[in-house]
Amino acid sequence: MPSDPLSRAGENPLSTPGRLGQPPRRSRTSAVEVRRSARRRRTVSAYREGDRTVVLIPARMSQAEEERWVTVMLDRLAAQESRRMLGDSELAERAGRLSAQYLDGRARPRTVRWVTNQNTRWGSCTPAEGSIRLSHRLQGMPGYVTDYVLLHELAHLLVPGHGADFWRLLEAYPRTERARGYLEGVVAAGRLPHLTGDPDA
């Protein structure tokens, strides 16, 4: 049985083909409503409306442009939301909402908090204590990434391993694949050699 895909940020076996712990591929989309307006000429905007994200675009935009702008606006909204840094109490509230929305409220952690001593893990869970810890390195990442890590650890309160039952719990979350890809990109970027003499390195 492999280690938790979120437990080793330096190794991160999240997308290695054929590895145990790989969730089944699926094509689910988040709740996004695109509204076209004939009065809009160039501007695109987006906002949250309950559980949905509304993206406003010009009516003449092509389907390909629409898809590109939806992605851009979702990322912008997520970045804005994540910049409002969550404290431990807000993190616990977020975990409660995620549990209610995706796990029927069955995952009930006793504590949820940020920690600064997890440099090779994105998150960890101790089911016997009902405790969840998230690495401070997630702060500043898009909100959907933090939500995925939280949900991943919440699922471990119900199922300890990474078998089919575990991944079934995460199937309801529509941005699992995207969040995993984001974390893989962060790990890959950390392995890139810094160029000597590069002032931005």
Protein backbone atom coordinates (compact mmCIF):
# COMPACT_ATOMS: atom_id res chain seq x y z
CA MET A 1 0.00 0.00 0.00
CA PRO A 2 1.54 3.34 -1.00
CA SER A 3 1.76 6.29 1.34
CA ASP A 4 -0.87 9.01 1.39
CA PRO A 5 -0.61 10.97 -1.90
CA LEU A 6 -0.76 14.15 0.15
CA SER A 7 1.72 12.99 2.75
CA ARG A 8 4.95 13.45 0.82
CA ALA A 9 5.02 16.74 -1.00
CA GLY A 10 8.55 15.99 -2.20
CA GLU A 11 7.63 12.67 -3.82
CA ASN A 12 3.97 13.14 -4.70
CA PRO A 13 2.88 9.95 -6.47
CA LEU A 14 -0.47 11.54 -7.28
CA SER A 15 -0.56 10.94 -11.02
CA THR A 16 1.84 8.11 -11.66
CA PRO A 17 -0.02 5.71 -13.98
CA GLY A 18 -0.74 2.28 -12.59
CA ARG A 19 0.09 3.18 -8.98
CA LEU A 20 -2.29 2.20 -6.20
CA GLY A 21 -3.75 5.33 -4.68
CA GLN A 22 -4.58 6.76 -8.11
CA PRO A 23 -8.25 7.80 -8.16
CA PRO A 24 -10.40 6.81 -11.12
CA ARG A 25 -10.49 9.34 -13.97
CA ARG A 26 -13.72 11.23 -14.28
CA SER A 27 -15.02 14.24 -16.17
CA ARG A 28 -17.08 16.27 -13.74
CA THR A 29 -17.46 20.00 -13.91
CA SER A 30 -18.07 22.50 -11.15
CA ALA A 31 -21.31 24.51 -11.00
CA VAL A 32 -20.59 27.31 -13.45
CA GLU A 33 -23.21 29.40 -15.23
CA VAL A 34 -22.10 31.39 -18.26
CA ARG A 35 -24.24 34.40 -19.13
CA ARG A 36 -23.78 36.03 -22.53
CA SER A 37 -24.60 39.68 -23.00
CA ALA A 38 -25.00 41.56 -26.29
CA ARG A 39 -24.13 44.79 -24.49
CA ARG A 40 -20.74 43.47 -23.41
CA ARG A 41 -18.06 44.15 -25.98
CA ARG A 42 -14.79 43.02 -24.38
CA THR A 43 -15.06 42.74 -20.63
CA VAL A 44 -15.43 39.48 -18.74
CA SER A 45 -16.38 39.26 -15.08
CA ALA A 46 -17.30 36.57 -12.56
CA TYR A 47 -18.79 36.27 -9.10
CA ARG A 48 -20.06 33.65 -6.67
CA GLU A 49 -23.81 33.17 -6.35
CA GLY A 50 -24.54 30.59 -3.68
CA ASP A 51 -22.97 27.30 -4.76
CA ARG A 52 -22.54 28.52 -8.34
CA THR A 53 -20.01 30.70 -10.12
CA VAL A 54 -21.50 33.10 -12.66
CA VAL A 55 -19.26 34.20 -15.54
CA LEU A 56 -20.40 37.13 -17.68
CA ILE A 57 -19.03 37.26 -21.25
CA PRO A 58 -19.75 39.09 -24.53
CA ALA A 59 -22.39 37.33 -26.66
CA ARG A 60 -20.12 37.12 -29.72
CA MET A 61 -17.42 35.11 -27.97
CA SER A 62 -16.61 31.71 -29.50
CA GLN A 63 -16.99 28.47 -27.56
CA ALA A 64 -13.21 28.10 -27.28
CA GLU A 65 -12.86 31.66 -25.94
CA GLU A 66 -15.68 31.00 -23.48
CA GLU A 67 -13.95 27.90 -22.12
CA ARG A 68 -10.63 29.74 -21.81
CA TRP A 69 -12.20 32.69 -19.97
CA VAL A 70 -14.18 30.47 -17.62
CA THR A 71 -10.92 28.82 -16.57
CA VAL A 72 -9.17 32.18 -16.16
CA MET A 73 -11.99 33.66 -14.08
CA LEU A 74 -12.32 30.60 -11.84
CA ASP A 75 -8.60 30.80 -11.09
CA ARG A 76 -8.83 34.54 -10.38
CA LEU A 77 -11.73 34.10 -7.98
CA ALA A 78 -9.97 31.24 -6.21
CA ALA A 79 -6.80 33.29 -5.84
CA GLN A 80 -8.74 36.26 -4.43
CA GLU A 81 -10.51 34.03 -1.93
CA SER A 82 -7.33 32.30 -0.81
CA ARG A 83 -5.63 35.67 -0.21
CA ARG A 84 -8.05 36.20 2.62
CA MET A 85 -5.91 34.05 4.87
CA LEU A 86 -7.88 31.61 6.96
CA GLY A 87 -7.15 31.27 10.64
CA ASP A 88 -7.58 27.95 12.45
CA SER A 89 -11.20 28.71 13.38
CA GLU A 90 -12.10 29.58 9.77
CA LEU A 91 -10.29 26.47 8.60
CA ALA A 92 -12.38 24.36 11.00
CA GLU A 93 -15.57 26.02 9.73
CA ARG A 94 -14.51 25.32 6.15
CA ALA A 95 -13.89 21.67 7.03
CA GLY A 96 -17.38 21.48 8.53
CA ARG A 97 -18.95 22.89 5.37
CA LEU A 98 -16.98 20.49 3.16
CA SER A 99 -17.97 17.53 5.32
CA ALA A 100 -21.63 18.53 5.14
CA GLN A 101 -21.54 19.14 1.39
CA TYR A 102 -19.52 16.14 0.22
CA LEU A 103 -19.49 13.58 3.07
CA ASP A 104 -23.03 13.93 4.43
CA GLY A 105 -21.56 15.49 7.58
CA ARG A 106 -20.11 12.16 8.70
CA ALA A 107 -16.51 13.41 9.05
CA ARG A 108 -16.34 15.42 12.29
CA PRO A 109 -12.82 16.41 13.23
CA ARG A 110 -12.13 17.58 16.78
CA THR A 111 -9.38 19.94 15.65
CA VAL A 112 -8.34 21.45 12.31
CA ARG A 113 -5.29 23.70 12.25
CA TRP A 114 -2.36 25.04 10.27
CA VAL A 115 1.10 23.74 11.15
CA THR A 116 4.57 24.89 10.12
CA ASN A 117 6.43 21.61 10.66
CA GLN A 118 5.06 19.73 7.63
CA ASN A 119 7.51 20.35 4.83
CA THR A 120 7.07 16.99 3.11
CA ARG A 121 3.29 16.79 3.55
CA TRP A 122 0.40 18.92 2.41
CA GLY A 123 -1.85 17.57 5.13
CA SER A 124 -2.15 14.84 7.73
CA CYS A 125 -4.86 13.24 9.80
CA THR A 126 -4.89 11.25 13.04
CA PRO A 127 -8.28 9.46 13.07
CA ALA A 128 -7.92 8.23 16.67
CA GLU A 129 -7.63 11.84 17.85
CA GLY A 130 -9.94 13.33 15.23
CA SER A 131 -7.24 15.85 14.33
CA ILE A 132 -6.38 17.33 10.93
CA ARG A 133 -3.29 19.40 10.21
CA LEU A 134 -2.60 21.37 7.03
CA SER A 135 0.81 22.62 5.96
CA HIS A 136 1.20 26.40 6.09
CA ARG A 137 2.62 26.12 2.54
CA LEU A 138 -0.96 25.79 1.27
CA GLN A 139 -1.68 29.35 2.37
CA GLY A 140 -1.89 31.56 -0.68
CA MET A 141 -2.78 28.68 -3.01
CA PRO A 142 -6.20 28.73 -4.72
CA GLY A 143 -9.10 27.94 -2.42
CA TYR A 144 -10.09 24.83 -4.36
CA VAL A 145 -6.64 23.34 -3.62
CA THR A 146 -7.00 23.92 0.13
CA ASP A 147 -10.53 22.50 -0.05
CA TYR A 148 -9.25 19.37 -1.78
CA VAL A 149 -6.55 18.78 0.84
CA LEU A 150 -9.06 19.37 3.63
CA LEU A 151 -11.58 17.02 2.04
CA HIS A 152 -8.86 14.42 1.49
CA GLU A 153 -7.99 14.47 5.18
CA LEU A 154 -11.65 14.52 6.21
CA ALA A 155 -12.18 11.37 4.14
CA HIS A 156 -9.38 9.73 6.13
CA LEU A 157 -11.48 10.12 9.27
CA LEU A 158 -13.90 7.70 7.60
CA VAL A 159 -11.54 5.48 5.59
CA PRO A 160 -7.87 5.22 6.63
CA GLY A 161 -6.33 3.85 3.43
CA HIS A 162 -6.44 4.76 -0.27
CA GLY A 163 -8.60 1.97 -1.60
CA ALA A 164 -11.67 2.24 -3.80
CA ASP A 165 -13.90 3.17 -0.84
CA PHE A 166 -11.67 6.15 -0.06
CA TRP A 167 -11.67 7.54 -3.61
CA ARG A 168 -15.43 7.04 -3.87
CA LEU A 169 -15.79 9.55 -1.04
CA LEU A 170 -13.92 12.16 -3.10
CA GLU A 171 -15.87 11.57 -6.32
CA ALA A 172 -18.42 14.22 -5.37
CA TYR A 173 -15.78 16.97 -5.26
CA PRO A 174 -15.61 18.30 -8.85
CA ARG A 175 -12.08 19.75 -8.73
CA THR A 176 -10.13 16.77 -7.39
CA GLU A 177 -8.11 16.23 -10.59
CA ARG A 178 -7.40 19.93 -11.01
CA ALA A 179 -6.23 20.34 -7.41
CA ARG A 180 -3.99 17.28 -7.66
CA GLY A 181 -2.50 18.66 -10.87
CA TYR A 182 -1.85 22.02 -9.17
CA LEU A 183 -0.02 20.34 -6.28
CA GLU A 184 2.01 18.20 -8.68
CA GLY A 185 3.03 21.38 -10.51
CA VAL A 186 4.19 22.98 -7.26
CA VAL A 187 6.30 19.93 -6.45
CA ALA A 188 7.74 19.77 -9.98
CA ALA A 189 8.61 23.49 -9.90
CA GLY A 190 10.45 22.93 -6.61
CA ARG A 191 12.69 20.37 -8.30
CA LEU A 192 13.76 22.71 -11.12
CA PRO A 193 17.40 23.86 -10.89
CA HIS A 194 17.94 27.56 -10.30
CA LEU A 195 19.99 29.26 -12.99
CA THR A 196 23.21 30.82 -11.75
CA GLY A 197 23.19 34.58 -12.09
CA ASP A 198 19.43 34.80 -12.53
CA PRO A 199 18.33 37.71 -10.30
CA ASP A 200 14.85 36.23 -9.94
CA ALA A 201 16.08 32.76 -8.90
